[in-house]
Amino acid sequence: MAKKSPGRGPGDRLAPVLRPVRAGNGFEEALEQILQIVRLGLVPGGERLPAERELADRMGISRVTLREVLKVLQEQGLVESRRGRYGGTFVLHRDRTPGDSGEAELRRRIASVDVEDTLRFREVLEVGAAGLCAAHGLPEEGAERLRTALRATHDAPLEDYRRQDTLLHLTLAELSGSPTLMAQYAGVRASVNDLLDCIPLLVRNLEHSQAQHTALVEAVLEGDADAAREVMREHCAGTAALLRGFLT
């Protein structure tokens, strides 16, 4: 039987992904969840994953199964194990293959992804989450979490912007109150991030994106569901247009 997740508060950055796995697919579902943690940047490159005991407890699996999962991730060059007092499992920085252009890497990645389906599904989830948050209202603690996530995107250095952008969107999905929506969004966002990682950060695009983020948060906090949905729809359309531009 899956165990209750220890120490899981409303501000837990891993909450959008870590959850008890279903019986029968423990290894596969645990691998999927930790891959999402890495791909979403919830634990950035160079930082340590939570301790084995915490991960195993939160997913409701044995530590033997967890170690099998971590072994696969090590073999894929995504994490490394370090011994000693300050040891543990650390996420490695994700570098492109030397000599590879972003376009070539992007085309390799889209070969196994239905890009249009992914972008449409992302829009449905994002617009739905924005509308739910605005329509139902957020408690003050939730509102402050959203404001904090927005400030983090404004303050982020360029190299950390996409991670903070991801965390803002994940926060909104979590605050929607639907665990199913949140889990589905974490999966689709990981796929979108794989594509975004292959294209350059464009300052003008980021400025526009930040203006949309601000308008979105304002609409949610004011309880204007129609405005929140419309801003999010435009925001998703901008990301889709950018990706299509680099694909053609």
Protein backbone atom coordinates (compact mmCIF):
# COMPACT_ATOMS: atom_id res chain seq x y z
CA MET A 1 0.00 0.00 0.00
CA ALA A 2 1.30 3.45 -0.90
CA LYS A 3 2.48 5.49 2.07
CA LYS A 4 1.44 9.03 2.83
CA SER A 5 3.91 11.56 1.52
CA PRO A 6 6.02 12.96 4.38
CA GLY A 7 6.71 16.64 4.78
CA ARG A 8 4.65 17.62 1.74
CA GLY A 9 3.51 21.18 2.20
CA PRO A 10 1.67 23.49 -0.20
CA GLY A 11 4.95 25.16 -1.23
CA ASP A 12 6.72 21.91 -2.01
CA ARG A 13 8.37 22.33 -5.41
CA LEU A 14 8.16 18.59 -6.15
CA ALA A 15 4.43 18.37 -5.41
CA PRO A 16 3.39 18.68 -9.08
CA VAL A 17 5.21 15.44 -9.87
CA LEU A 18 5.83 13.19 -6.87
CA ARG A 19 2.86 11.04 -5.90
CA PRO A 20 2.22 7.42 -4.89
CA VAL A 21 2.52 5.04 -7.84
CA ARG A 22 -0.12 2.51 -8.78
CA ALA A 23 0.38 -1.14 -7.93
CA GLY A 24 1.98 -3.17 -10.68
CA ASN A 25 3.92 -0.38 -12.40
CA GLY A 26 6.10 0.87 -9.56
CA PHE A 27 9.39 0.93 -11.47
CA GLU A 28 7.98 2.49 -14.63
CA GLU A 29 5.93 5.17 -12.89
CA ALA A 30 8.75 6.06 -10.50
CA LEU A 31 11.11 6.43 -13.45
CA GLU A 32 8.58 8.68 -15.20
CA GLN A 33 8.23 10.91 -12.13
CA ILE A 34 11.94 11.39 -11.52
CA LEU A 35 12.52 12.02 -15.23
CA GLN A 36 9.90 14.77 -15.01
CA ILE A 37 11.67 16.28 -11.99
CA VAL A 38 14.85 16.51 -14.06
CA ARG A 39 13.22 17.67 -17.31
CA LEU A 40 11.11 20.32 -15.57
CA GLY A 41 14.10 21.67 -13.68
CA LEU A 42 12.41 21.17 -10.31
CA VAL A 43 15.84 20.12 -9.11
CA PRO A 44 18.33 22.16 -11.19
CA GLY A 45 21.58 20.83 -12.57
CA GLY A 46 24.19 20.59 -9.84
CA GLU A 47 21.66 20.16 -7.03
CA ARG A 48 20.86 17.02 -5.08
CA LEU A 49 17.68 15.00 -5.32
CA PRO A 50 15.82 14.37 -2.06
CA ALA A 51 17.16 11.50 0.04
CA GLU A 52 16.33 7.97 -1.08
CA ARG A 53 14.08 7.38 1.93
CA GLU A 54 11.98 10.46 1.16
CA LEU A 55 11.65 9.64 -2.53
CA ALA A 56 10.73 6.02 -1.83
CA ASP A 57 8.16 7.00 0.81
CA ARG A 58 6.52 9.65 -1.33
CA MET A 59 6.14 7.31 -4.30
CA GLY A 60 5.21 4.31 -2.17
CA ILE A 61 7.98 2.08 -3.53
CA SER A 62 10.84 0.14 -1.98
CA ARG A 63 14.34 1.60 -1.85
CA VAL A 64 15.48 -1.35 -3.96
CA THR A 65 13.11 -0.27 -6.73
CA LEU A 66 14.20 3.34 -6.35
CA ARG A 67 17.86 2.38 -6.71
CA GLU A 68 17.04 0.54 -9.93
CA VAL A 69 15.41 3.74 -11.19
CA LEU A 70 18.41 5.87 -10.21
CA LYS A 71 20.75 3.39 -11.90
CA VAL A 72 18.90 3.88 -15.19
CA LEU A 73 19.15 7.66 -14.84
CA GLN A 74 22.88 7.38 -14.16
CA GLU A 75 23.34 5.24 -17.26
CA GLN A 76 21.52 7.91 -19.26
CA GLY A 77 23.87 10.59 -17.95
CA LEU A 78 21.13 12.51 -16.15
CA VAL A 79 22.28 12.06 -12.55
CA GLU A 80 25.37 10.95 -10.69
CA SER A 81 25.89 9.36 -7.28
CA ARG A 82 28.40 10.93 -4.89
CA ARG A 83 29.64 9.34 -1.69
CA GLY A 84 30.66 10.92 1.57
CA ARG A 85 29.16 13.25 4.12
CA TYR A 86 27.76 15.57 1.46
CA GLY A 87 26.94 12.81 -0.98
CA GLY A 88 23.70 11.74 -2.58
CA THR A 89 22.24 11.68 -6.07
CA PHE A 90 22.90 14.88 -8.01
CA VAL A 91 21.25 16.10 -11.19
CA LEU A 92 23.78 16.74 -13.93
CA HIS A 93 23.76 19.85 -16.12
CA ARG A 94 22.09 19.16 -19.46
CA ASP A 95 24.52 20.07 -22.22
CA ARG A 96 23.97 19.71 -25.93
CA THR A 97 26.13 17.33 -27.85
CA PRO A 98 29.39 19.13 -28.82
CA GLY A 99 29.16 20.48 -32.34
CA ASP A 100 25.38 20.05 -32.49
CA SER A 101 23.24 22.96 -33.55
CA GLY A 102 20.04 23.67 -31.67
CA GLU A 103 18.05 23.10 -34.86
CA ALA A 104 19.51 19.64 -35.42
CA GLU A 105 18.80 18.66 -31.82
CA LEU A 106 15.28 20.08 -32.05
CA ARG A 107 14.53 18.03 -35.14
CA ARG A 108 15.79 14.88 -33.43
CA ARG A 109 13.50 15.48 -30.50
CA ILE A 110 10.37 16.26 -32.52
CA ALA A 111 10.80 13.02 -34.45
CA SER A 112 9.21 11.16 -31.52
CA VAL A 113 6.72 13.86 -30.46
CA ASP A 114 3.42 14.95 -32.01
CA VAL A 115 4.19 18.64 -31.61
CA GLU A 116 0.76 19.98 -32.58
CA ASP A 117 -1.03 17.57 -30.25
CA THR A 118 1.35 18.45 -27.40
CA LEU A 119 0.83 22.18 -27.90
CA ARG A 120 -2.96 21.86 -28.10
CA PHE A 121 -3.11 19.72 -24.97
CA ARG A 122 -0.86 22.17 -23.16
CA GLU A 123 -3.20 25.03 -24.12
CA VAL A 124 -6.29 23.17 -22.90
CA LEU A 125 -4.67 22.47 -19.52
CA GLU A 126 -3.14 25.92 -19.08
CA VAL A 127 -6.31 27.82 -20.04
CA GLY A 128 -8.37 25.53 -17.83
CA ALA A 129 -6.06 26.00 -14.84
CA ALA A 130 -6.07 29.79 -15.21
CA GLY A 131 -9.86 29.85 -15.42
CA LEU A 132 -10.29 27.59 -12.40
CA CYS A 133 -7.92 29.65 -10.23
CA ALA A 134 -9.67 32.88 -11.12
CA ALA A 135 -13.21 31.56 -10.89
CA HIS A 136 -12.79 29.77 -7.56
CA GLY A 137 -10.46 32.34 -6.00
CA LEU A 138 -7.22 31.67 -4.17
CA PRO A 139 -6.64 31.73 -0.42
CA GLU A 140 -4.09 34.33 0.66
CA GLU A 141 -1.35 31.71 0.97
CA GLY A 142 -2.01 30.54 -2.59
CA ALA A 143 -2.13 34.10 -3.87
CA GLU A 144 1.22 34.84 -2.24
CA ARG A 145 2.73 31.70 -3.77
CA LEU A 146 1.62 32.91 -7.20
CA ARG A 147 3.02 36.41 -6.60
CA THR A 148 6.32 34.90 -5.41
CA ALA A 149 6.57 32.69 -8.49
CA LEU A 150 5.91 35.71 -10.72
CA ARG A 151 8.61 37.77 -8.96
CA ALA A 152 11.06 34.91 -9.44
CA THR A 153 10.58 35.06 -13.22
CA HIS A 154 11.21 38.82 -13.20
CA ASP A 155 14.35 38.44 -11.07
CA ALA A 156 15.77 35.35 -12.80
CA PRO A 157 19.07 35.62 -14.68
CA LEU A 158 18.75 34.65 -18.33
CA GLU A 159 20.19 31.17 -17.83
CA ASP A 160 17.59 30.37 -15.15
CA TYR A 161 14.59 32.02 -16.78
CA ARG A 162 12.99 28.94 -18.33
CA ARG A 163 13.16 27.02 -15.06
CA GLN A 164 11.45 29.86 -13.19
CA ASP A 165 8.92 30.19 -15.99
CA THR A 166 8.15 26.48 -15.62
CA LEU A 167 7.73 26.83 -11.85
CA LEU A 168 5.26 29.71 -12.31
CA HIS A 169 3.10 27.63 -14.64
CA LEU A 170 3.33 24.56 -12.40
CA THR A 171 2.25 26.69 -9.43
CA LEU A 172 -0.82 27.84 -11.32
CA ALA A 173 -1.67 24.25 -12.30
CA GLU A 174 -1.28 23.10 -8.69
CA LEU A 175 -3.43 25.94 -7.35
CA SER A 176 -6.24 24.94 -9.72
CA GLY A 177 -7.22 22.36 -7.11
CA SER A 178 -7.22 19.42 -9.53
CA PRO A 179 -4.46 16.85 -8.85
CA THR A 180 -5.27 15.15 -12.17
CA LEU A 181 -4.85 18.39 -14.11
CA MET A 182 -1.61 19.10 -12.26
CA ALA A 183 -0.17 15.65 -13.04
CA GLN A 184 -1.17 15.84 -16.70
CA TYR A 185 0.29 19.33 -16.99
CA ALA A 186 3.62 18.26 -15.48
CA GLY A 187 3.91 15.61 -18.20
CA VAL A 188 3.04 17.85 -21.13
CA ARG A 189 5.22 20.69 -19.82
CA ALA A 190 8.20 18.33 -19.70
CA SER A 191 7.66 17.58 -23.40
CA VAL A 192 7.40 21.29 -24.23
CA ASN A 193 10.56 22.03 -22.24
CA ASP A 194 12.47 19.43 -24.24
CA LEU A 195 11.63 21.44 -27.35
CA LEU A 196 12.21 24.88 -25.82
CA ASP A 197 15.65 23.81 -24.60
CA CYS A 198 16.74 23.55 -28.24
CA ILE A 199 15.87 27.11 -29.28
CA PRO A 200 17.49 30.36 -28.18
CA LEU A 201 16.17 32.72 -25.54
CA LEU A 202 15.03 35.87 -27.33
CA VAL A 203 14.99 39.01 -25.19
CA ARG A 204 12.03 40.58 -27.00
CA ASN A 205 10.04 37.38 -26.62
CA LEU A 206 10.88 37.21 -22.91
CA GLU A 207 9.74 40.80 -22.37
CA HIS A 208 6.42 40.02 -24.05
CA SER A 209 6.11 36.80 -22.07
CA GLN A 210 6.71 38.64 -18.81
CA ALA A 211 4.04 41.22 -19.63
CA GLN A 212 1.62 38.33 -20.22
CA HIS A 213 2.64 36.66 -16.96
CA THR A 214 1.91 39.86 -15.06
CA ALA A 215 -1.48 40.33 -16.75
CA LEU A 216 -2.32 36.68 -16.09
CA VAL A 217 -1.54 36.84 -12.38
CA GLU A 218 -3.47 40.10 -12.03
CA ALA A 219 -6.52 38.57 -13.73
CA VAL A 220 -6.37 35.48 -11.51
CA LEU A 221 -6.03 37.51 -8.31
CA GLU A 222 -8.88 39.81 -9.37
CA GLY A 223 -11.11 36.80 -10.01
CA ASP A 224 -11.57 37.65 -13.70
CA ALA A 225 -11.82 34.16 -15.19
CA ASP A 226 -12.53 35.33 -18.75
CA ALA A 227 -9.47 37.60 -18.79
CA ALA A 228 -7.28 34.93 -17.20
CA ARG A 229 -8.28 32.38 -19.83
CA GLU A 230 -7.77 34.83 -22.69
CA VAL A 231 -4.32 35.95 -21.51
CA MET A 232 -3.25 32.34 -21.05
CA ARG A 233 -4.59 31.40 -24.49
CA GLU A 234 -2.53 34.19 -26.06
CA HIS A 235 0.51 33.18 -24.02
CA CYS A 236 0.31 29.57 -25.21
CA ALA A 237 -0.19 30.73 -28.79
CA GLY A 238 3.03 32.75 -28.54
CA THR A 239 5.05 29.74 -27.43
CA ALA A 240 3.49 27.63 -30.18
CA ALA A 241 4.31 30.27 -32.82
CA LEU A 242 7.91 30.45 -31.63
CA LEU A 243 8.37 26.71 -31.85
CA ARG A 244 6.72 26.51 -35.25
CA GLY A 245 9.02 29.28 -36.44
CA PHE A 246 12.07 27.23 -35.57
CA LEU A 247 10.57 24.07 -37.05
CA THR A 248 9.90 25.49 -40.50
